[in-house]
Amino acid sequence: MMNNPWAKPVVVLIGEPPVETTVETTQAAAWAMIEDWPVEDGPLIDRALIVCAEVDGGKRKPEDARAAFVAAAEEAGVLVSA
């Protein structure tokens, strides 16, 4: 479920040093937020991680995770394009 590709990828600037990274699935979004996110807490990253888990559990659609991920990227200041 988490590996279903999103209709449109999201590009974020993450990592050390930060590089443009294209995120195309809920699983990739969850890993990006857990491993490479520049901020460790914030209401939108917390929500996005919950939505990703709900997609994995079949309770939400992948596009819900994409929308939550975009909001978390905006919150963290790493959104390049969505």
PDB file of N, CA and C in Angstrom:
ATOM      1  N   MET A   1       0.831  -1.207   0.000  1.00  0.00           N
ATOM      2  CA  MET A   1       0.000   0.000   0.000  1.00  0.00           C
ATOM      3  C   MET A   1       0.874   1.269   0.000  1.00  0.00           C
ATOM      4  N   MET A   2       1.915   1.272   0.822  1.00  0.00           N
ATOM      5  CA  MET A   2       2.728   2.480   0.942  1.00  0.00           C
ATOM      6  C   MET A   2       3.581   2.735  -0.293  1.00  0.00           C
ATOM      7  N   ASN A   3       3.775   1.708  -1.126  1.00  0.00           N
ATOM      8  CA  ASN A   3       4.628   1.885  -2.292  1.00  0.00           C
ATOM      9  C   ASN A   3       3.876   2.349  -3.524  1.00  0.00           C
ATOM     10  N   ASN A   4       2.549   2.528  -3.416  1.00  0.00           N
ATOM     11  CA  ASN A   4       1.793   3.026  -4.562  1.00  0.00           C
ATOM     12  C   ASN A   4       2.302   4.413  -4.927  1.00  0.00           C
ATOM     13  N   PRO A   5       2.676   4.619  -6.199  1.00  0.00           N
ATOM     14  CA  PRO A   5       3.168   5.950  -6.576  1.00  0.00           C
ATOM     15  C   PRO A   5       2.068   7.004  -6.521  1.00  0.00           C
ATOM     16  N   TRP A   6       2.452   8.188  -6.100  1.00  0.00           N
ATOM     17  CA  TRP A   6       1.529   9.314  -6.086  1.00  0.00           C
ATOM     18  C   TRP A   6       1.290   9.779  -7.514  1.00  0.00           C
ATOM     19  N   ALA A   7       0.183  10.475  -7.727  1.00  0.00           N
ATOM     20  CA  ALA A   7      -0.136  11.002  -9.053  1.00  0.00           C
ATOM     21  C   ALA A   7       0.929  12.003  -9.509  1.00  0.00           C
ATOM     22  N   LYS A   8       1.473  12.763  -8.554  1.00  0.00           N
ATOM     23  CA  LYS A   8       2.498  13.761  -8.879  1.00  0.00           C
ATOM     24  C   LYS A   8       3.568  13.731  -7.789  1.00  0.00           C
ATOM     25  N   PRO A   9       4.850  13.610  -8.164  1.00  0.00           N
ATOM     26  CA  PRO A   9       5.904  13.590  -7.143  1.00  0.00           C
ATOM     27  C   PRO A   9       6.059  14.941  -6.453  1.00  0.00           C
ATOM     28  N   VAL A  10       6.691  14.906  -5.290  1.00  0.00           N
ATOM     29  CA  VAL A  10       6.984  16.113  -4.513  1.00  0.00           C
ATOM     30  C   VAL A  10       8.504  16.211  -4.410  1.00  0.00           C
ATOM     31  N   VAL A  11       9.057  17.406  -4.663  1.00  0.00           N
ATOM     32  CA  VAL A  11      10.499  17.600  -4.560  1.00  0.00           C
ATOM     33  C   VAL A  11      10.803  18.417  -3.304  1.00  0.00           C
ATOM     34  N   VAL A  12      11.700  17.870  -2.477  1.00  0.00           N
ATOM     35  CA  VAL A  12      12.104  18.538  -1.237  1.00  0.00           C
ATOM     36  C   VAL A  12      13.624  18.643  -1.190  1.00  0.00           C
ATOM     37  N   LEU A  13      14.105  19.543  -0.350  1.00  0.00           N
ATOM     38  CA  LEU A  13      15.541  19.768  -0.176  1.00  0.00           C
ATOM     39  C   LEU A  13      15.921  19.226   1.198  1.00  0.00           C
ATOM     40  N   ILE A  14      16.486  17.994   1.223  1.00  0.00           N
ATOM     41  CA  ILE A  14      16.784  17.350   2.505  1.00  0.00           C
ATOM     42  C   ILE A  14      18.140  16.659   2.460  1.00  0.00           C
ATOM     43  N   GLY A  15      18.619  16.259   3.636  1.00  0.00           N
ATOM     44  CA  GLY A  15      19.864  15.515   3.759  1.00  0.00           C
ATOM     45  C   GLY A  15      21.002  16.407   4.209  1.00  0.00           C
ATOM     46  N   GLU A  16      22.174  15.798   4.360  1.00  0.00           N
ATOM     47  CA  GLU A  16      23.381  16.512   4.775  1.00  0.00           C
ATOM     48  C   GLU A  16      24.502  16.222   3.794  1.00  0.00           C
ATOM     49  N   PRO A  17      24.904  17.119   2.934  1.00  0.00           N
ATOM     50  CA  PRO A  17      24.286  18.439   2.721  1.00  0.00           C
ATOM     51  C   PRO A  17      22.944  18.284   2.025  1.00  0.00           C
ATOM     52  N   PRO A  18      22.082  19.296   2.134  1.00  0.00           N
ATOM     53  CA  PRO A  18      20.759  19.199   1.514  1.00  0.00           C
ATOM     54  C   PRO A  18      20.843  19.051  -0.003  1.00  0.00           C
ATOM     55  N   VAL A  19      20.102  18.089  -0.526  1.00  0.00           N
ATOM     56  CA  VAL A  19      20.008  17.889  -1.966  1.00  0.00           C
ATOM     57  C   VAL A  19      18.543  17.768  -2.349  1.00  0.00           C
ATOM     58  N   GLU A  20      18.248  18.148  -3.588  1.00  0.00           N
ATOM     59  CA  GLU A  20      16.873  18.000  -4.067  1.00  0.00           C
ATOM     60  C   GLU A  20      16.551  16.512  -4.182  1.00  0.00           C
ATOM     61  N   THR A  21      15.477  16.118  -3.521  1.00  0.00           N
ATOM     62  CA  THR A  21      15.074  14.722  -3.473  1.00  0.00           C
ATOM     63  C   THR A  21      13.635  14.614  -3.952  1.00  0.00           C
ATOM     64  N   THR A  22      13.389  13.722  -4.896  1.00  0.00           N
ATOM     65  CA  THR A  22      12.038  13.515  -5.409  1.00  0.00           C
ATOM     66  C   THR A  22      11.376  12.394  -4.628  1.00  0.00           C
ATOM     67  N   VAL A  23      10.222  12.694  -4.053  1.00  0.00           N
ATOM     68  CA  VAL A  23       9.471  11.723  -3.257  1.00  0.00           C
ATOM     69  C   VAL A  23       8.209  11.363  -4.036  1.00  0.00           C
ATOM     70  N   GLU A  24       8.022  10.068  -4.292  1.00  0.00           N
ATOM     71  CA  GLU A  24       6.927   9.637  -5.152  1.00  0.00           C
ATOM     72  C   GLU A  24       5.955   8.658  -4.501  1.00  0.00           C
ATOM     73  N   THR A  25       6.270   8.200  -3.274  1.00  0.00           N
ATOM     74  CA  THR A  25       5.386   7.236  -2.608  1.00  0.00           C
ATOM     75  C   THR A  25       5.229   7.608  -1.140  1.00  0.00           C
ATOM     76  N   THR A  26       4.197   7.053  -0.521  1.00  0.00           N
ATOM     77  CA  THR A  26       3.974   7.276   0.909  1.00  0.00           C
ATOM     78  C   THR A  26       5.148   6.736   1.724  1.00  0.00           C
ATOM     79  N   GLN A  27       5.666   5.568   1.335  1.00  0.00           N
ATOM     80  CA  GLN A  27       6.793   4.981   2.057  1.00  0.00           C
ATOM     81  C   GLN A  27       8.023   5.887   1.985  1.00  0.00           C
ATOM     82  N   ALA A  28       8.306   6.417   0.796  1.00  0.00           N
ATOM     83  CA  ALA A  28       9.459   7.312   0.644  1.00  0.00           C
ATOM     84  C   ALA A  28       9.274   8.580   1.475  1.00  0.00           C
ATOM     85  N   ALA A  29       8.039   9.066   1.552  1.00  0.00           N
ATOM     86  CA  ALA A  29       7.761  10.252   2.362  1.00  0.00           C
ATOM     87  C   ALA A  29       8.023   9.969   3.838  1.00  0.00           C
ATOM     88  N   ALA A  30       7.541   8.829   4.315  1.00  0.00           N
ATOM     89  CA  ALA A  30       7.742   8.477   5.724  1.00  0.00           C
ATOM     90  C   ALA A  30       9.236   8.370   6.039  1.00  0.00           C
ATOM     91  N   TRP A  31       9.999   7.691   5.171  1.00  0.00           N
ATOM     92  CA  TRP A  31      11.440   7.562   5.386  1.00  0.00           C
ATOM     93  C   TRP A  31      12.123   8.920   5.367  1.00  0.00           C
ATOM     94  N   ALA A  32      11.732   9.788   4.440  1.00  0.00           N
ATOM     95  CA  ALA A  32      12.350  11.111   4.355  1.00  0.00           C
ATOM     96  C   ALA A  32      12.139  11.888   5.651  1.00  0.00           C
ATOM     97  N   MET A  33      10.914  11.821   6.182  1.00  0.00           N
ATOM     98  CA  MET A  33      10.616  12.568   7.415  1.00  0.00           C
ATOM     99  C   MET A  33      11.332  11.967   8.622  1.00  0.00           C
ATOM    100  N   ILE A  34      11.481  10.655   8.648  1.00  0.00           N
ATOM    101  CA  ILE A  34      12.130   9.993   9.782  1.00  0.00           C
ATOM    102  C   ILE A  34      13.646  10.157   9.723  1.00  0.00           C
ATOM    103  N   GLU A  35      14.221  10.014   8.530  1.00  0.00           N
ATOM    104  CA  GLU A  35      15.677   9.960   8.399  1.00  0.00           C
ATOM    105  C   GLU A  35      16.346  11.301   8.133  1.00  0.00           C
ATOM    106  N   ASP A  36      15.742  12.144   7.284  1.00  0.00           N
ATOM    107  CA  ASP A  36      16.467  13.287   6.725  1.00  0.00           C
ATOM    108  C   ASP A  36      15.845  14.651   6.996  1.00  0.00           C
ATOM    109  N   TRP A  37      14.796  14.692   7.805  1.00  0.00           N
ATOM    110  CA  TRP A  37      14.081  15.954   8.009  1.00  0.00           C
ATOM    111  C   TRP A  37      14.900  16.904   8.864  1.00  0.00           C
ATOM    112  N   PRO A  38      14.924  18.208   8.534  1.00  0.00           N
ATOM    113  CA  PRO A  38      15.731  19.153   9.308  1.00  0.00           C
ATOM    114  C   PRO A  38      15.131  19.529  10.663  1.00  0.00           C
ATOM    115  N   VAL A  39      13.836  19.305  10.848  1.00  0.00           N
ATOM    116  CA  VAL A  39      13.207  19.579  12.142  1.00  0.00           C
ATOM    117  C   VAL A  39      12.622  18.276  12.675  1.00  0.00           C
ATOM    118  N   GLU A  40      12.747  18.092  13.984  1.00  0.00           N
ATOM    119  CA  GLU A  40      12.317  16.820  14.546  1.00  0.00           C
ATOM    120  C   GLU A  40      10.892  16.835  15.043  1.00  0.00           C
ATOM    121  N   ASP A  41      10.377  18.026  15.320  1.00  0.00           N
ATOM    122  CA  ASP A  41       8.990  18.047  15.751  1.00  0.00           C
ATOM    123  C   ASP A  41       8.287  19.279  15.228  1.00  0.00           C
ATOM    124  N   GLY A  42       7.019  19.142  15.091  1.00  0.00           N
ATOM    125  CA  GLY A  42       6.161  20.202  14.584  1.00  0.00           C
ATOM    126  C   GLY A  42       4.814  19.561  14.338  1.00  0.00           C
ATOM    127  N   PRO A  43       3.745  20.320  14.453  1.00  0.00           N
ATOM    128  CA  PRO A  43       2.419  19.716  14.306  1.00  0.00           C
ATOM    129  C   PRO A  43       2.186  19.081  12.948  1.00  0.00           C
ATOM    130  N   LEU A  44       2.768  19.650  11.884  1.00  0.00           N
ATOM    131  CA  LEU A  44       2.476  19.120  10.556  1.00  0.00           C
ATOM    132  C   LEU A  44       3.293  17.882  10.220  1.00  0.00           C
ATOM    133  N   ILE A  45       4.533  17.794  10.718  1.00  0.00           N
ATOM    134  CA  ILE A  45       5.285  16.553  10.498  1.00  0.00           C
ATOM    135  C   ILE A  45       4.653  15.424  11.312  1.00  0.00           C
ATOM    136  N   ASP A  46       4.232  15.719  12.531  1.00  0.00           N
ATOM    137  CA  ASP A  46       3.568  14.694  13.353  1.00  0.00           C
ATOM    138  C   ASP A  46       2.322  14.180  12.644  1.00  0.00           C
ATOM    139  N   ARG A  47       1.527  15.094  12.113  1.00  0.00           N
ATOM    140  CA  ARG A  47       0.306  14.703  11.412  1.00  0.00           C
ATOM    141  C   ARG A  47       0.634  13.889  10.160  1.00  0.00           C
ATOM    142  N   ALA A  48       1.644  14.320   9.414  1.00  0.00           N
ATOM    143  CA  ALA A  48       2.006  13.616   8.183  1.00  0.00           C
ATOM    144  C   ALA A  48       2.451  12.184   8.473  1.00  0.00           C
ATOM    145  N   LEU A  49       3.205  11.985   9.544  1.00  0.00           N
ATOM    146  CA  LEU A  49       3.627  10.631   9.901  1.00  0.00           C
ATOM    147  C   LEU A  49       2.432   9.761  10.278  1.00  0.00           C
ATOM    148  N   ILE A  50       1.459  10.348  10.965  1.00  0.00           N
ATOM    149  CA  ILE A  50       0.241   9.609  11.313  1.00  0.00           C
ATOM    150  C   ILE A  50      -0.534   9.239  10.048  1.00  0.00           C
ATOM    151  N   VAL A  51      -0.674  10.193   9.128  1.00  0.00           N
ATOM    152  CA  VAL A  51      -1.410   9.919   7.888  1.00  0.00           C
ATOM    153  C   VAL A  51      -0.699   8.828   7.083  1.00  0.00           C
ATOM    154  N   CYS A  52       0.631   8.858   7.025  1.00  0.00           N
ATOM    155  CA  CYS A  52       1.370   7.812   6.317  1.00  0.00           C
ATOM    156  C   CYS A  52       1.070   6.443   6.929  1.00  0.00           C
ATOM    157  N   ALA A  53       1.046   6.372   8.254  1.00  0.00           N
ATOM    158  CA  ALA A  53       0.729   5.102   8.921  1.00  0.00           C
ATOM    159  C   ALA A  53      -0.699   4.664   8.609  1.00  0.00           C
ATOM    160  N   GLU A  54      -1.621   5.629   8.546  1.00  0.00           N
ATOM    161  CA  GLU A  54      -3.018   5.300   8.232  1.00  0.00           C
ATOM    162  C   GLU A  54      -3.157   4.796   6.794  1.00  0.00           C
ATOM    163  N   VAL A  55      -2.362   5.350   5.870  1.00  0.00           N
ATOM    164  CA  VAL A  55      -2.361   4.843   4.491  1.00  0.00           C
ATOM    165  C   VAL A  55      -1.863   3.398   4.491  1.00  0.00           C
ATOM    166  N   ASP A  56      -0.793   3.147   5.229  1.00  0.00           N
ATOM    167  CA  ASP A  56      -0.237   1.798   5.308  1.00  0.00           C
ATOM    168  C   ASP A  56      -1.266   0.817   5.873  1.00  0.00           C
ATOM    169  N   GLY A  57      -2.097   1.308   6.787  1.00  0.00           N
ATOM    170  CA  GLY A  57      -3.126   0.467   7.390  1.00  0.00           C
ATOM    171  C   GLY A  57      -4.404   0.379   6.582  1.00  0.00           C
ATOM    172  N   GLY A  58      -4.425   1.040   5.426  1.00  0.00           N
ATOM    173  CA  GLY A  58      -5.592   0.977   4.561  1.00  0.00           C
ATOM    174  C   GLY A  58      -6.729   1.900   4.951  1.00  0.00           C
ATOM    175  N   LYS A  59      -6.460   2.832   5.886  1.00  0.00           N
ATOM    176  CA  LYS A  59      -7.519   3.728   6.372  1.00  0.00           C
ATOM    177  C   LYS A  59      -7.605   5.036   5.592  1.00  0.00           C
ATOM    178  N   ARG A  60      -6.529   5.377   4.882  1.00  0.00           N
ATOM    179  CA  ARG A  60      -6.497   6.623   4.108  1.00  0.00           C
ATOM    180  C   ARG A  60      -5.971   6.334   2.718  1.00  0.00           C
ATOM    181  N   LYS A  61      -6.160   7.306   1.806  1.00  0.00           N
ATOM    182  CA  LYS A  61      -5.668   7.178   0.435  1.00  0.00           C
ATOM    183  C   LYS A  61      -4.253   7.752   0.335  1.00  0.00           C
ATOM    184  N   PRO A  62      -3.446   7.230  -0.610  1.00  0.00           N
ATOM    185  CA  PRO A  62      -2.093   7.761  -0.785  1.00  0.00           C
ATOM    186  C   PRO A  62      -2.056   9.273  -1.011  1.00  0.00           C
ATOM    187  N   GLU A  63      -3.067   9.822  -1.691  1.00  0.00           N
ATOM    188  CA  GLU A  63      -3.060  11.268  -1.930  1.00  0.00           C
ATOM    189  C   GLU A  63      -3.237  12.063  -0.628  1.00  0.00           C
ATOM    190  N   ASP A  64      -3.854  11.455   0.395  1.00  0.00           N
ATOM    191  CA  ASP A  64      -3.937  12.110   1.711  1.00  0.00           C
ATOM    192  C   ASP A  64      -2.535  12.250   2.301  1.00  0.00           C
ATOM    193  N   ALA A  65      -1.732  11.198   2.148  1.00  0.00           N
ATOM    194  CA  ALA A  65      -0.355  11.238   2.645  1.00  0.00           C
ATOM    195  C   ALA A  65       0.454  12.287   1.886  1.00  0.00           C
ATOM    196  N   ARG A  66       0.228  12.365   0.575  1.00  0.00           N
ATOM    197  CA  ARG A  66       0.952  13.356  -0.229  1.00  0.00           C
ATOM    198  C   ARG A  66       0.630  14.769   0.250  1.00  0.00           C
ATOM    199  N   ALA A  67      -0.646  15.046   0.468  1.00  0.00           N
ATOM    200  CA  ALA A  67      -1.052  16.383   0.923  1.00  0.00           C
ATOM    201  C   ALA A  67      -0.451  16.705   2.294  1.00  0.00           C
ATOM    202  N   ALA A  68      -0.446  15.734   3.183  1.00  0.00           N
ATOM    203  CA  ALA A  68       0.116  15.938   4.517  1.00  0.00           C
ATOM    204  C   ALA A  68       1.633  16.140   4.440  1.00  0.00           C
ATOM    205  N   PHE A  69       2.275  15.409   3.529  1.00  0.00           N
ATOM    206  CA  PHE A  69       3.720  15.539   3.347  1.00  0.00           C
ATOM    207  C   PHE A  69       4.078  16.925   2.811  1.00  0.00           C
ATOM    208  N   VAL A  70       3.296  17.418   1.855  1.00  0.00           N
ATOM    209  CA  VAL A  70       3.524  18.760   1.310  1.00  0.00           C
ATOM    210  C   VAL A  70       3.407  19.805   2.425  1.00  0.00           C
ATOM    211  N   ALA A  71       2.390  19.671   3.270  1.00  0.00           N
ATOM    212  CA  ALA A  71       2.209  20.619   4.379  1.00  0.00           C
ATOM    213  C   ALA A  71       3.397  20.557   5.337  1.00  0.00           C
ATOM    214  N   ALA A  72       3.879  19.348   5.637  1.00  0.00           N
ATOM    215  CA  ALA A  72       5.033  19.197   6.533  1.00  0.00           C
ATOM    216  C   ALA A  72       6.288  19.800   5.898  1.00  0.00           C
ATOM    217  N   ALA A  73       6.432  19.637   4.585  1.00  0.00           N
ATOM    218  CA  ALA A  73       7.586  20.210   3.883  1.00  0.00           C
ATOM    219  C   ALA A  73       7.549  21.737   3.921  1.00  0.00           C
ATOM    220  N   GLU A  74       6.356  22.287   3.776  1.00  0.00           N
ATOM    221  CA  GLU A  74       6.221  23.750   3.883  1.00  0.00           C
ATOM    222  C   GLU A  74       6.583  24.204   5.284  1.00  0.00           C
ATOM    223  N   GLU A  75       6.097  23.478   6.296  1.00  0.00           N
ATOM    224  CA  GLU A  75       6.382  23.806   7.690  1.00  0.00           C
ATOM    225  C   GLU A  75       7.895  23.811   7.950  1.00  0.00           C
ATOM    226  N   ALA A  76       8.610  22.838   7.375  1.00  0.00           N
ATOM    227  CA  ALA A  76      10.040  22.701   7.606  1.00  0.00           C
ATOM    228  C   ALA A  76      10.880  23.589   6.694  1.00  0.00           C
ATOM    229  N   GLY A  77      10.240  24.236   5.702  1.00  0.00           N
ATOM    230  CA  GLY A  77      10.974  25.094   4.787  1.00  0.00           C
ATOM    231  C   GLY A  77      11.803  24.343   3.768  1.00  0.00           C
ATOM    232  N   VAL A  78      11.391  23.098   3.431  1.00  0.00           N
ATOM    233  CA  VAL A  78      12.178  22.282   2.496  1.00  0.00           C
ATOM    234  C   VAL A  78      11.454  21.992   1.188  1.00  0.00           C
ATOM    235  N   LEU A  79      10.265  22.535   1.005  1.00  0.00           N
ATOM    236  CA  LEU A  79       9.494  22.251  -0.219  1.00  0.00           C
ATOM    237  C   LEU A  79      10.122  22.973  -1.407  1.00  0.00           C
ATOM    238  N   VAL A  80      10.415  22.212  -2.475  1.00  0.00           N
ATOM    239  CA  VAL A  80      10.918  22.792  -3.719  1.00  0.00           C
ATOM    240  C   VAL A  80       9.762  22.893  -4.715  1.00  0.00           C
ATOM    241  N   SER A  81       9.049  21.790  -4.912  1.00  0.00           N
ATOM    242  CA  SER A  81       7.874  21.817  -5.789  1.00  0.00           C
ATOM    243  C   SER A  81       6.922  20.690  -5.424  1.00  0.00           C
ATOM    244  N   ALA A  82       5.634  20.964  -5.657  1.00  0.00           N
ATOM    245  CA  ALA A  82       4.615  19.968  -5.318  1.00  0.00           C
ATOM    246  C   ALA A  82       3.611  19.856  -6.442  1.00  0.00           C
TER     247      ALA A  82
END
